[in-house]
Amino acid sequence: MKTLTRLLIIATLVLTMSAPAWAGMILIPMDDTQTDHLKAYGVAFACLKEGQKGEWLLNYRAGSFLLADSDANRDLCLLRGVAFLPVDNAAVGEIYRTMEGENMERVNLEKAPAIAVYAPPNREPWDDAVRLALEYAEIKYDLIWDTEVLNGALEKYDWLHLHHEDFTGQYGKFYASFHNQLWYQQEVATNEEMAKRLGFAKVSEMKKAVARTIKDYVIRGGFLFAMCSAAETIDIALAAQNTDINPAEFDGDPAAPDCQQKLDFSQTMAFTDFTVSLDPLLYRHSNIDTYPDRIERFLNPADDIFYLFDFSD
């Protein structure tokens, strides 16, 4: 009996000595105490890539992260210049109590998302603020374009990012200012060659197919982040599935005279009842975006309202 007792004591001592000097979690705050917010996202992503689990505390200290406390995670934060705070189980419980009854929510983090960025292969990272942010944060992503999208590559990704893309096939409506510039001509040539290779008569028809594929990806649960012209033009392309809104300067033939009436807003994801711009010399696609003259002449703030769900701070 004495021998068994000694063995239990020795085993307890070994386990105690081999355990870390702390227990609990590390809190990565995202408020103004954080020294590097982008790198903090990268730390959370790296931990998930290693198979760890964590929590995202929406609206608690600006959306902080709770991750396992370990030498490796502490070292990762120190290496990347990310502020963190060790919290024991009692402190974690207090955080949870603080969040109860507030506009806060705990989100379990169990898997690092597979991220795709939609952009042509000749697009430099500095053209896209999100690519710059992802690379600085050391978050892995894949670059995909029309071939990959139309060949089913979106099935591999949880998140898709769109930025400057023009899904109407009008090359950003830069014709008036830049159609004699080499970069503009190269963009036109690249898109036309891609459309021909994929069996489309026009770039606009190819982009409509891409827009439909992206919409289907979202319907099936994919997450989409669209900014700049992509947020506007993907819905314009979806609404214009059965008509031609492009002037001859972009595709060689005029827009359909009744194209505005043929827009099908039931196909869009976010915007409805917009009017497309048919002037090839005007840098705008529609009246969706807030151009200065729209604000001055047409926009009544009381009528220009949209609603977000909770946790929008």
C-alpha atoms as a PDB file:
ATOM      1  CA  MET A   1       0.000   0.000   0.000  1.00  0.00           C
ATOM      2  CA  LYS A   2       2.863   2.346   0.897  1.00  0.00           C
ATOM      3  CA  THR A   3       4.507   1.596  -2.457  1.00  0.00           C
ATOM      4  CA  LEU A   4       1.292   2.463  -4.318  1.00  0.00           C
ATOM      5  CA  THR A   5       0.971   5.711  -2.352  1.00  0.00           C
ATOM      6  CA  ARG A   6       4.548   6.688  -3.220  1.00  0.00           C
ATOM      7  CA  LEU A   7       3.897   5.972  -6.915  1.00  0.00           C
ATOM      8  CA  LEU A   8       0.774   8.167  -6.886  1.00  0.00           C
ATOM      9  CA  ILE A   9       2.686  11.004  -5.214  1.00  0.00           C
ATOM     10  CA  ILE A  10       5.549  10.757  -7.728  1.00  0.00           C
ATOM     11  CA  ALA A  11       3.103  10.677 -10.664  1.00  0.00           C
ATOM     12  CA  THR A  12       1.319  13.750  -9.320  1.00  0.00           C
ATOM     13  CA  LEU A  13       4.607  15.611  -8.955  1.00  0.00           C
ATOM     14  CA  VAL A  14       5.681  14.692 -12.495  1.00  0.00           C
ATOM     15  CA  LEU A  15       2.379  15.886 -13.957  1.00  0.00           C
ATOM     16  CA  THR A  16       2.549  19.092 -11.941  1.00  0.00           C
ATOM     17  CA  MET A  17       6.120  19.827 -13.002  1.00  0.00           C
ATOM     18  CA  SER A  18       5.395  19.096 -16.671  1.00  0.00           C
ATOM     19  CA  ALA A  19       2.296  21.328 -16.781  1.00  0.00           C
ATOM     20  CA  PRO A  20       2.709  25.016 -17.659  1.00  0.00           C
ATOM     21  CA  ALA A  21       2.996  27.507 -14.845  1.00  0.00           C
ATOM     22  CA  TRP A  22      -0.353  28.998 -15.899  1.00  0.00           C
ATOM     23  CA  ALA A  23      -3.778  27.668 -16.733  1.00  0.00           C
ATOM     24  CA  GLY A  24      -6.674  29.073 -18.685  1.00  0.00           C
ATOM     25  CA  MET A  25      -6.606  31.168 -21.832  1.00  0.00           C
ATOM     26  CA  ILE A  26      -4.975  34.178 -23.380  1.00  0.00           C
ATOM     27  CA  LEU A  27      -7.163  37.122 -24.268  1.00  0.00           C
ATOM     28  CA  ILE A  28      -6.165  39.011 -27.408  1.00  0.00           C
ATOM     29  CA  PRO A  29      -7.945  42.370 -27.059  1.00  0.00           C
ATOM     30  CA  MET A  30      -8.986  44.257 -30.185  1.00  0.00           C
ATOM     31  CA  ASP A  31      -9.661  47.629 -28.561  1.00  0.00           C
ATOM     32  CA  ASP A  32      -7.186  50.506 -28.383  1.00  0.00           C
ATOM     33  CA  THR A  33      -4.888  48.485 -26.105  1.00  0.00           C
ATOM     34  CA  GLN A  34      -4.004  46.221 -29.033  1.00  0.00           C
ATOM     35  CA  THR A  35      -0.577  46.992 -30.476  1.00  0.00           C
ATOM     36  CA  ASP A  36      -1.202  45.456 -33.924  1.00  0.00           C
ATOM     37  CA  HIS A  37      -4.771  44.656 -34.903  1.00  0.00           C
ATOM     38  CA  LEU A  38      -4.001  43.048 -38.266  1.00  0.00           C
ATOM     39  CA  LYS A  39      -1.312  40.814 -36.818  1.00  0.00           C
ATOM     40  CA  ALA A  40      -3.787  39.849 -34.062  1.00  0.00           C
ATOM     41  CA  TYR A  41      -6.149  38.442 -36.688  1.00  0.00           C
ATOM     42  CA  GLY A  42      -3.179  36.579 -38.122  1.00  0.00           C
ATOM     43  CA  VAL A  43      -2.384  35.040 -34.731  1.00  0.00           C
ATOM     44  CA  ALA A  44      -5.954  33.756 -34.379  1.00  0.00           C
ATOM     45  CA  PHE A  45      -5.801  32.369 -37.922  1.00  0.00           C
ATOM     46  CA  ALA A  46      -2.447  30.653 -37.267  1.00  0.00           C
ATOM     47  CA  CYS A  47      -3.773  28.972 -34.128  1.00  0.00           C
ATOM     48  CA  LEU A  48      -6.770  27.613 -36.008  1.00  0.00           C
ATOM     49  CA  LYS A  49      -4.474  26.370 -38.788  1.00  0.00           C
ATOM     50  CA  GLU A  50      -2.627  24.369 -36.125  1.00  0.00           C
ATOM     51  CA  GLY A  51      -5.863  22.612 -35.196  1.00  0.00           C
ATOM     52  CA  GLN A  52      -6.558  24.645 -32.083  1.00  0.00           C
ATOM     53  CA  LYS A  53      -9.956  25.994 -31.111  1.00  0.00           C
ATOM     54  CA  GLY A  54     -10.837  29.380 -29.694  1.00  0.00           C
ATOM     55  CA  GLU A  55     -13.574  31.939 -29.291  1.00  0.00           C
ATOM     56  CA  TRP A  56     -14.340  35.263 -30.931  1.00  0.00           C
ATOM     57  CA  LEU A  57     -15.979  37.576 -28.417  1.00  0.00           C
ATOM     58  CA  LEU A  58     -18.087  39.823 -30.618  1.00  0.00           C
ATOM     59  CA  ASN A  59     -18.322  43.362 -29.235  1.00  0.00           C
ATOM     60  CA  TYR A  60     -16.305  42.489 -26.128  1.00  0.00           C
ATOM     61  CA  ARG A  61     -13.342  44.872 -26.164  1.00  0.00           C
ATOM     62  CA  ALA A  62     -13.938  45.481 -29.878  1.00  0.00           C
ATOM     63  CA  GLY A  63     -14.182  41.808 -30.807  1.00  0.00           C
ATOM     64  CA  SER A  64     -11.431  40.108 -28.836  1.00  0.00           C
ATOM     65  CA  PHE A  65     -10.171  36.542 -29.159  1.00  0.00           C
ATOM     66  CA  LEU A  66      -9.793  33.837 -26.532  1.00  0.00           C
ATOM     67  CA  LEU A  67      -7.147  31.247 -27.360  1.00  0.00           C
ATOM     68  CA  ALA A  68      -5.433  28.453 -25.466  1.00  0.00           C
ATOM     69  CA  ASP A  69      -2.638  29.539 -23.165  1.00  0.00           C
ATOM     70  CA  SER A  70       0.614  27.845 -24.168  1.00  0.00           C
ATOM     71  CA  ASP A  71       4.272  28.630 -24.690  1.00  0.00           C
ATOM     72  CA  ALA A  72       3.798  28.422 -28.455  1.00  0.00           C
ATOM     73  CA  ASN A  73       0.864  30.852 -28.499  1.00  0.00           C
ATOM     74  CA  ARG A  74       2.587  33.315 -26.193  1.00  0.00           C
ATOM     75  CA  ASP A  75       5.719  33.181 -28.322  1.00  0.00           C
ATOM     76  CA  LEU A  76       3.662  33.717 -31.481  1.00  0.00           C
ATOM     77  CA  CYS A  77       2.084  36.852 -30.015  1.00  0.00           C
ATOM     78  CA  LEU A  78       5.462  38.187 -28.907  1.00  0.00           C
ATOM     79  CA  LEU A  79       7.055  37.418 -32.278  1.00  0.00           C
ATOM     80  CA  ARG A  80       4.329  39.271 -34.185  1.00  0.00           C
ATOM     81  CA  GLY A  81       4.048  42.176 -31.765  1.00  0.00           C
ATOM     82  CA  VAL A  82       0.505  41.341 -30.667  1.00  0.00           C
ATOM     83  CA  ALA A  83      -0.725  42.390 -27.222  1.00  0.00           C
ATOM     84  CA  PHE A  84      -2.237  39.589 -25.125  1.00  0.00           C
ATOM     85  CA  LEU A  85      -3.396  39.050 -21.569  1.00  0.00           C
ATOM     86  CA  PRO A  86      -3.272  35.709 -19.711  1.00  0.00           C
ATOM     87  CA  VAL A  87      -6.623  35.002 -18.058  1.00  0.00           C
ATOM     88  CA  ASP A  88      -7.366  32.166 -15.657  1.00  0.00           C
ATOM     89  CA  ASN A  89     -10.622  30.260 -15.525  1.00  0.00           C
ATOM     90  CA  ALA A  90     -12.126  32.682 -13.015  1.00  0.00           C
ATOM     91  CA  ALA A  91     -11.320  35.656 -15.263  1.00  0.00           C
ATOM     92  CA  VAL A  92     -12.819  33.861 -18.262  1.00  0.00           C
ATOM     93  CA  GLY A  93     -15.999  33.286 -16.280  1.00  0.00           C
ATOM     94  CA  GLU A  94     -16.125  36.982 -15.414  1.00  0.00           C
ATOM     95  CA  ILE A  95     -15.769  37.873 -19.100  1.00  0.00           C
ATOM     96  CA  TYR A  96     -18.699  35.604 -19.922  1.00  0.00           C
ATOM     97  CA  ARG A  97     -20.823  37.204 -17.207  1.00  0.00           C
ATOM     98  CA  THR A  98     -19.969  40.665 -18.517  1.00  0.00           C
ATOM     99  CA  MET A  99     -21.165  39.654 -21.963  1.00  0.00           C
ATOM    100  CA  GLU A 100     -24.526  38.329 -20.783  1.00  0.00           C
ATOM    101  CA  GLY A 101     -27.435  40.632 -21.500  1.00  0.00           C
ATOM    102  CA  GLU A 102     -25.317  42.915 -23.665  1.00  0.00           C
ATOM    103  CA  ASN A 103     -25.007  43.243 -27.432  1.00  0.00           C
ATOM    104  CA  MET A 104     -22.219  40.666 -27.324  1.00  0.00           C
ATOM    105  CA  GLU A 105     -21.874  37.097 -28.471  1.00  0.00           C
ATOM    106  CA  ARG A 106     -19.408  34.228 -28.158  1.00  0.00           C
ATOM    107  CA  VAL A 107     -18.556  32.583 -31.473  1.00  0.00           C
ATOM    108  CA  ASN A 108     -16.712  29.275 -31.427  1.00  0.00           C
ATOM    109  CA  LEU A 109     -13.697  29.179 -33.730  1.00  0.00           C
ATOM    110  CA  GLU A 110     -12.953  25.650 -34.874  1.00  0.00           C
ATOM    111  CA  LYS A 111     -11.484  25.834 -38.375  1.00  0.00           C
ATOM    112  CA  ALA A 112      -9.266  28.234 -40.271  1.00  0.00           C
ATOM    113  CA  PRO A 113     -11.234  29.414 -43.318  1.00  0.00           C
ATOM    114  CA  ALA A 114      -9.978  28.717 -46.819  1.00  0.00           C
ATOM    115  CA  ILE A 115      -9.841  32.147 -48.479  1.00  0.00           C
ATOM    116  CA  ALA A 116      -9.904  33.033 -52.171  1.00  0.00           C
ATOM    117  CA  VAL A 117      -9.324  36.467 -53.687  1.00  0.00           C
ATOM    118  CA  TYR A 118     -10.833  37.040 -57.131  1.00  0.00           C
ATOM    119  CA  ALA A 119      -8.427  39.045 -59.276  1.00  0.00           C
ATOM    120  CA  PRO A 120      -6.656  38.670 -62.637  1.00  0.00           C
ATOM    121  CA  PRO A 121      -3.178  37.158 -62.478  1.00  0.00           C
ATOM    122  CA  ASN A 122      -1.532  40.436 -63.521  1.00  0.00           C
ATOM    123  CA  ARG A 123      -3.131  42.405 -60.652  1.00  0.00           C
ATOM    124  CA  GLU A 124      -0.555  43.562 -58.132  1.00  0.00           C
ATOM    125  CA  PRO A 125      -1.268  43.200 -54.381  1.00  0.00           C
ATOM    126  CA  TRP A 126      -1.091  46.965 -53.873  1.00  0.00           C
ATOM    127  CA  ASP A 127      -4.175  47.318 -56.085  1.00  0.00           C
ATOM    128  CA  ASP A 128      -6.240  45.616 -53.385  1.00  0.00           C
ATOM    129  CA  ALA A 129      -6.324  46.819 -49.781  1.00  0.00           C
ATOM    130  CA  VAL A 130      -7.604  43.461 -48.528  1.00  0.00           C
ATOM    131  CA  ARG A 131      -4.745  41.540 -50.152  1.00  0.00           C
ATOM    132  CA  LEU A 132      -2.311  43.944 -48.518  1.00  0.00           C
ATOM    133  CA  ALA A 133      -4.038  43.383 -45.169  1.00  0.00           C
ATOM    134  CA  LEU A 134      -4.043  39.596 -45.554  1.00  0.00           C
ATOM    135  CA  GLU A 135      -0.365  39.495 -46.474  1.00  0.00           C
ATOM    136  CA  TYR A 136       0.609  41.790 -43.616  1.00  0.00           C
ATOM    137  CA  ALA A 137      -1.429  39.687 -41.184  1.00  0.00           C
ATOM    138  CA  GLU A 138       0.216  36.527 -42.620  1.00  0.00           C
ATOM    139  CA  ILE A 139      -3.132  34.980 -43.496  1.00  0.00           C
ATOM    140  CA  LYS A 140      -2.944  32.547 -46.405  1.00  0.00           C
ATOM    141  CA  TYR A 141      -5.180  33.041 -49.448  1.00  0.00           C
ATOM    142  CA  ASP A 142      -5.359  31.809 -53.033  1.00  0.00           C
ATOM    143  CA  LEU A 143      -5.699  34.032 -56.087  1.00  0.00           C
ATOM    144  CA  ILE A 144      -8.434  32.876 -58.484  1.00  0.00           C
ATOM    145  CA  TRP A 145     -10.038  34.328 -61.583  1.00  0.00           C
ATOM    146  CA  ASP A 146     -12.683  33.490 -64.186  1.00  0.00           C
ATOM    147  CA  THR A 147     -11.316  30.098 -65.232  1.00  0.00           C
ATOM    148  CA  GLU A 148     -11.165  28.833 -61.665  1.00  0.00           C
ATOM    149  CA  VAL A 149     -14.605  30.204 -60.754  1.00  0.00           C
ATOM    150  CA  LEU A 150     -16.326  28.697 -63.799  1.00  0.00           C
ATOM    151  CA  ASN A 151     -14.535  25.378 -63.323  1.00  0.00           C
ATOM    152  CA  GLY A 152     -15.919  24.904 -59.823  1.00  0.00           C
ATOM    153  CA  ALA A 153     -12.975  26.046 -57.699  1.00  0.00           C
ATOM    154  CA  LEU A 154     -15.212  27.961 -55.276  1.00  0.00           C
ATOM    155  CA  GLU A 155     -16.194  24.641 -53.706  1.00  0.00           C
ATOM    156  CA  LYS A 156     -12.789  24.608 -51.996  1.00  0.00           C
ATOM    157  CA  TYR A 157     -13.214  27.946 -50.218  1.00  0.00           C
ATOM    158  CA  ASP A 158     -15.129  29.297 -47.241  1.00  0.00           C
ATOM    159  CA  TRP A 159     -14.564  32.982 -48.048  1.00  0.00           C
ATOM    160  CA  LEU A 160     -14.403  34.842 -51.346  1.00  0.00           C
ATOM    161  CA  HIS A 161     -13.147  38.417 -51.640  1.00  0.00           C
ATOM    162  CA  LEU A 162     -13.982  40.789 -54.516  1.00  0.00           C
ATOM    163  CA  HIS A 163     -12.492  44.263 -54.926  1.00  0.00           C
ATOM    164  CA  HIS A 164     -12.065  46.408 -58.052  1.00  0.00           C
ATOM    165  CA  GLU A 165     -13.690  43.970 -60.451  1.00  0.00           C
ATOM    166  CA  ASP A 166     -16.250  45.133 -63.004  1.00  0.00           C
ATOM    167  CA  PHE A 167     -18.726  42.314 -63.615  1.00  0.00           C
ATOM    168  CA  THR A 168     -20.520  44.299 -66.325  1.00  0.00           C
ATOM    169  CA  GLY A 169     -17.602  43.916 -68.742  1.00  0.00           C
ATOM    170  CA  GLN A 170     -17.059  47.692 -68.993  1.00  0.00           C
ATOM    171  CA  TYR A 171     -13.538  47.675 -67.562  1.00  0.00           C
ATOM    172  CA  GLY A 172     -14.338  49.930 -64.641  1.00  0.00           C
ATOM    173  CA  LYS A 173     -15.897  52.612 -66.858  1.00  0.00           C
ATOM    174  CA  PHE A 174     -12.429  54.097 -67.355  1.00  0.00           C
ATOM    175  CA  TYR A 175     -12.856  54.484 -71.118  1.00  0.00           C
ATOM    176  CA  ALA A 176     -12.953  58.284 -71.265  1.00  0.00           C
ATOM    177  CA  SER A 177      -9.781  58.833 -69.268  1.00  0.00           C
ATOM    178  CA  PHE A 178      -7.644  55.799 -70.004  1.00  0.00           C
ATOM    179  CA  HIS A 179      -8.645  53.964 -73.192  1.00  0.00           C
ATOM    180  CA  ASN A 180      -5.381  55.093 -74.858  1.00  0.00           C
ATOM    181  CA  GLN A 181      -3.270  53.901 -71.940  1.00  0.00           C
ATOM    182  CA  LEU A 182      -1.305  50.664 -72.326  1.00  0.00           C
ATOM    183  CA  TRP A 183      -2.537  49.173 -69.028  1.00  0.00           C
ATOM    184  CA  TYR A 184      -6.176  49.670 -70.082  1.00  0.00           C
ATOM    185  CA  GLN A 185      -5.585  48.099 -73.486  1.00  0.00           C
ATOM    186  CA  GLN A 186      -3.816  45.159 -71.847  1.00  0.00           C
ATOM    187  CA  GLU A 187      -6.751  44.642 -69.489  1.00  0.00           C
ATOM    188  CA  VAL A 188      -9.185  44.609 -72.415  1.00  0.00           C
ATOM    189  CA  ALA A 189      -7.000  42.167 -74.346  1.00  0.00           C
ATOM    190  CA  THR A 190      -6.580  39.864 -71.340  1.00  0.00           C
ATOM    191  CA  ASN A 191     -10.315  39.724 -70.684  1.00  0.00           C
ATOM    192  CA  GLU A 192     -11.216  39.227 -74.346  1.00  0.00           C
ATOM    193  CA  GLU A 193      -8.713  36.400 -74.674  1.00  0.00           C
ATOM    194  CA  MET A 194     -10.116  34.768 -71.527  1.00  0.00           C
ATOM    195  CA  ALA A 195     -13.712  35.060 -72.799  1.00  0.00           C
ATOM    196  CA  LYS A 196     -12.755  33.493 -76.122  1.00  0.00           C
ATOM    197  CA  ARG A 197     -10.888  30.654 -74.407  1.00  0.00           C
ATOM    198  CA  LEU A 198     -13.916  29.898 -72.211  1.00  0.00           C
ATOM    199  CA  GLY A 199     -16.347  29.953 -75.152  1.00  0.00           C
ATOM    200  CA  PHE A 200     -18.079  33.307 -74.644  1.00  0.00           C
ATOM    201  CA  ALA A 201     -18.779  35.753 -77.465  1.00  0.00           C
ATOM    202  CA  LYS A 202     -18.323  38.766 -75.182  1.00  0.00           C
ATOM    203  CA  VAL A 203     -16.516  39.621 -71.994  1.00  0.00           C
ATOM    204  CA  SER A 204     -19.834  40.802 -70.537  1.00  0.00           C
ATOM    205  CA  GLU A 205     -21.395  37.371 -71.091  1.00  0.00           C
ATOM    206  CA  MET A 206     -18.450  35.705 -69.352  1.00  0.00           C
ATOM    207  CA  LYS A 207     -18.723  38.073 -66.399  1.00  0.00           C
ATOM    208  CA  LYS A 208     -22.459  37.405 -66.114  1.00  0.00           C
ATOM    209  CA  ALA A 209     -21.699  33.682 -65.854  1.00  0.00           C
ATOM    210  CA  VAL A 210     -19.095  34.399 -63.188  1.00  0.00           C
ATOM    211  CA  ALA A 211     -21.599  36.548 -61.269  1.00  0.00           C
ATOM    212  CA  ARG A 212     -24.198  33.757 -61.393  1.00  0.00           C
ATOM    213  CA  THR A 213     -21.636  31.257 -60.116  1.00  0.00           C
ATOM    214  CA  ILE A 214     -20.664  33.528 -57.236  1.00  0.00           C
ATOM    215  CA  LYS A 215     -24.315  34.076 -56.340  1.00  0.00           C
ATOM    216  CA  ASP A 216     -24.865  30.312 -56.283  1.00  0.00           C
ATOM    217  CA  TYR A 217     -21.807  29.957 -54.035  1.00  0.00           C
ATOM    218  CA  VAL A 218     -23.324  32.435 -51.574  1.00  0.00           C
ATOM    219  CA  ILE A 219     -26.732  30.727 -51.672  1.00  0.00           C
ATOM    220  CA  ARG A 220     -25.059  27.444 -50.767  1.00  0.00           C
ATOM    221  CA  GLY A 221     -23.389  28.988 -47.726  1.00  0.00           C
ATOM    222  CA  GLY A 222     -20.206  30.606 -49.002  1.00  0.00           C
ATOM    223  CA  PHE A 223     -19.155  33.893 -47.422  1.00  0.00           C
ATOM    224  CA  LEU A 224     -18.658  36.837 -49.773  1.00  0.00           C
ATOM    225  CA  PHE A 225     -16.872  40.104 -49.048  1.00  0.00           C
ATOM    226  CA  ALA A 226     -17.236  42.645 -51.865  1.00  0.00           C
ATOM    227  CA  MET A 227     -15.954  46.203 -51.890  1.00  0.00           C
ATOM    228  CA  CYS A 228     -15.406  49.107 -54.295  1.00  0.00           C
ATOM    229  CA  SER A 229     -16.857  48.510 -57.761  1.00  0.00           C
ATOM    230  CA  ALA A 230     -17.399  44.781 -57.202  1.00  0.00           C
ATOM    231  CA  ALA A 231     -20.221  45.357 -54.705  1.00  0.00           C
ATOM    232  CA  GLU A 232     -22.151  47.403 -57.275  1.00  0.00           C
ATOM    233  CA  THR A 233     -21.329  45.687 -60.542  1.00  0.00           C
ATOM    234  CA  ILE A 234     -22.052  42.106 -59.496  1.00  0.00           C
ATOM    235  CA  ASP A 235     -25.697  43.019 -58.870  1.00  0.00           C
ATOM    236  CA  ILE A 236     -25.877  45.023 -62.102  1.00  0.00           C
ATOM    237  CA  ALA A 237     -24.574  41.996 -64.009  1.00  0.00           C
ATOM    238  CA  LEU A 238     -27.106  39.729 -62.293  1.00  0.00           C
ATOM    239  CA  ALA A 239     -29.990  42.089 -63.122  1.00  0.00           C
ATOM    240  CA  ALA A 240     -28.837  42.377 -66.759  1.00  0.00           C
ATOM    241  CA  GLN A 241     -28.848  38.637 -67.470  1.00  0.00           C
ATOM    242  CA  ASN A 242     -31.345  39.007 -70.324  1.00  0.00           C
ATOM    243  CA  THR A 243     -30.256  42.296 -71.867  1.00  0.00           C
ATOM    244  CA  ASP A 244     -27.210  44.230 -73.086  1.00  0.00           C
ATOM    245  CA  ILE A 245     -26.359  47.343 -71.059  1.00  0.00           C
ATOM    246  CA  ASN A 246     -22.925  47.933 -72.603  1.00  0.00           C
ATOM    247  CA  PRO A 247     -22.311  50.747 -75.115  1.00  0.00           C
ATOM    248  CA  ALA A 248     -20.402  49.906 -78.303  1.00  0.00           C
ATOM    249  CA  GLU A 249     -17.155  51.300 -76.894  1.00  0.00           C
ATOM    250  CA  PHE A 250     -16.939  48.231 -74.651  1.00  0.00           C
ATOM    251  CA  ASP A 251     -18.214  45.326 -76.739  1.00  0.00           C
ATOM    252  CA  GLY A 252     -18.605  46.513 -80.334  1.00  0.00           C
ATOM    253  CA  ASP A 253     -22.385  46.893 -80.435  1.00  0.00           C
ATOM    254  CA  PRO A 254     -24.798  49.333 -78.747  1.00  0.00           C
ATOM    255  CA  ALA A 255     -26.730  48.695 -75.577  1.00  0.00           C
ATOM    256  CA  ALA A 256     -30.289  47.438 -76.027  1.00  0.00           C
ATOM    257  CA  PRO A 257     -32.606  50.446 -76.316  1.00  0.00           C
ATOM    258  CA  ASP A 258     -34.936  49.042 -73.637  1.00  0.00           C
ATOM    259  CA  CYS A 259     -32.234  47.563 -71.403  1.00  0.00           C
ATOM    260  CA  GLN A 260     -33.323  49.515 -68.322  1.00  0.00           C
ATOM    261  CA  GLN A 261     -36.837  48.089 -68.566  1.00  0.00           C
ATOM    262  CA  LYS A 262     -35.452  44.574 -68.996  1.00  0.00           C
ATOM    263  CA  LEU A 263     -33.393  44.595 -65.794  1.00  0.00           C
ATOM    264  CA  ASP A 264     -34.526  41.720 -63.580  1.00  0.00           C
ATOM    265  CA  PHE A 265     -34.088  42.826 -59.968  1.00  0.00           C
ATOM    266  CA  SER A 266     -35.321  39.472 -58.685  1.00  0.00           C
ATOM    267  CA  GLN A 267     -31.893  38.079 -59.583  1.00  0.00           C
ATOM    268  CA  THR A 268     -29.814  40.507 -57.495  1.00  0.00           C
ATOM    269  CA  MET A 269     -28.329  39.872 -54.058  1.00  0.00           C
ATOM    270  CA  ALA A 270     -28.434  43.324 -52.421  1.00  0.00           C
ATOM    271  CA  PHE A 271     -29.668  46.189 -54.611  1.00  0.00           C
ATOM    272  CA  THR A 272     -32.927  46.758 -56.466  1.00  0.00           C
ATOM    273  CA  ASP A 273     -34.644  49.456 -58.518  1.00  0.00           C
ATOM    274  CA  PHE A 274     -31.417  51.076 -59.648  1.00  0.00           C
ATOM    275  CA  THR A 275     -30.809  52.841 -62.940  1.00  0.00           C
ATOM    276  CA  VAL A 276     -27.782  51.896 -65.023  1.00  0.00           C
ATOM    277  CA  SER A 277     -25.543  54.503 -66.661  1.00  0.00           C
ATOM    278  CA  LEU A 278     -25.358  54.070 -70.436  1.00  0.00           C
ATOM    279  CA  ASP A 279     -22.867  56.880 -71.087  1.00  0.00           C
ATOM    280  CA  PRO A 280     -19.456  55.349 -71.946  1.00  0.00           C
ATOM    281  CA  LEU A 281     -17.720  58.635 -71.119  1.00  0.00           C
ATOM    282  CA  LEU A 282     -19.194  58.870 -67.631  1.00  0.00           C
ATOM    283  CA  TYR A 283     -17.296  57.237 -64.777  1.00  0.00           C
ATOM    284  CA  ARG A 284     -20.222  55.494 -63.092  1.00  0.00           C
ATOM    285  CA  HIS A 285     -22.147  52.280 -63.499  1.00  0.00           C
ATOM    286  CA  SER A 286     -25.470  53.200 -61.921  1.00  0.00           C
ATOM    287  CA  ASN A 287     -27.086  55.331 -59.253  1.00  0.00           C
ATOM    288  CA  ILE A 288     -26.233  52.804 -56.544  1.00  0.00           C
ATOM    289  CA  ASP A 289     -23.012  54.491 -55.518  1.00  0.00           C
ATOM    290  CA  THR A 290     -23.017  57.851 -53.696  1.00  0.00           C
ATOM    291  CA  TYR A 291     -21.553  60.291 -56.193  1.00  0.00           C
ATOM    292  CA  PRO A 292     -21.416  63.966 -55.114  1.00  0.00           C
ATOM    293  CA  ASP A 293     -24.271  65.054 -57.377  1.00  0.00           C
ATOM    294  CA  ARG A 294     -26.500  62.279 -56.035  1.00  0.00           C
ATOM    295  CA  ILE A 295     -25.899  63.478 -52.487  1.00  0.00           C
ATOM    296  CA  GLU A 296     -26.566  67.104 -53.398  1.00  0.00           C
ATOM    297  CA  ARG A 297     -29.589  66.627 -55.664  1.00  0.00           C
ATOM    298  CA  PHE A 298     -31.349  63.388 -54.866  1.00  0.00           C
ATOM    299  CA  LEU A 299     -30.357  61.948 -51.522  1.00  0.00           C
ATOM    300  CA  ASN A 300     -32.715  62.481 -48.632  1.00  0.00           C
ATOM    301  CA  PRO A 301     -30.988  60.920 -45.600  1.00  0.00           C
ATOM    302  CA  ALA A 302     -34.357  59.983 -44.132  1.00  0.00           C
ATOM    303  CA  ASP A 303     -35.066  57.815 -47.189  1.00  0.00           C
ATOM    304  CA  ASP A 304     -31.590  56.312 -47.545  1.00  0.00           C
ATOM    305  CA  ILE A 305     -31.649  53.833 -44.677  1.00  0.00           C
ATOM    306  CA  PHE A 306     -30.510  50.248 -44.359  1.00  0.00           C
ATOM    307  CA  TYR A 307     -30.462  47.970 -41.332  1.00  0.00           C
ATOM    308  CA  LEU A 308     -27.747  45.728 -39.914  1.00  0.00           C
ATOM    309  CA  PHE A 309     -28.222  42.802 -37.563  1.00  0.00           C
ATOM    310  CA  ASP A 310     -26.829  42.872 -34.024  1.00  0.00           C
ATOM    311  CA  PHE A 311     -23.068  42.929 -33.362  1.00  0.00           C
ATOM    312  CA  SER A 312     -22.535  45.629 -35.971  1.00  0.00           C
ATOM    313  CA  ASP A 313     -20.345  47.932 -33.862  1.00  0.00           C
END
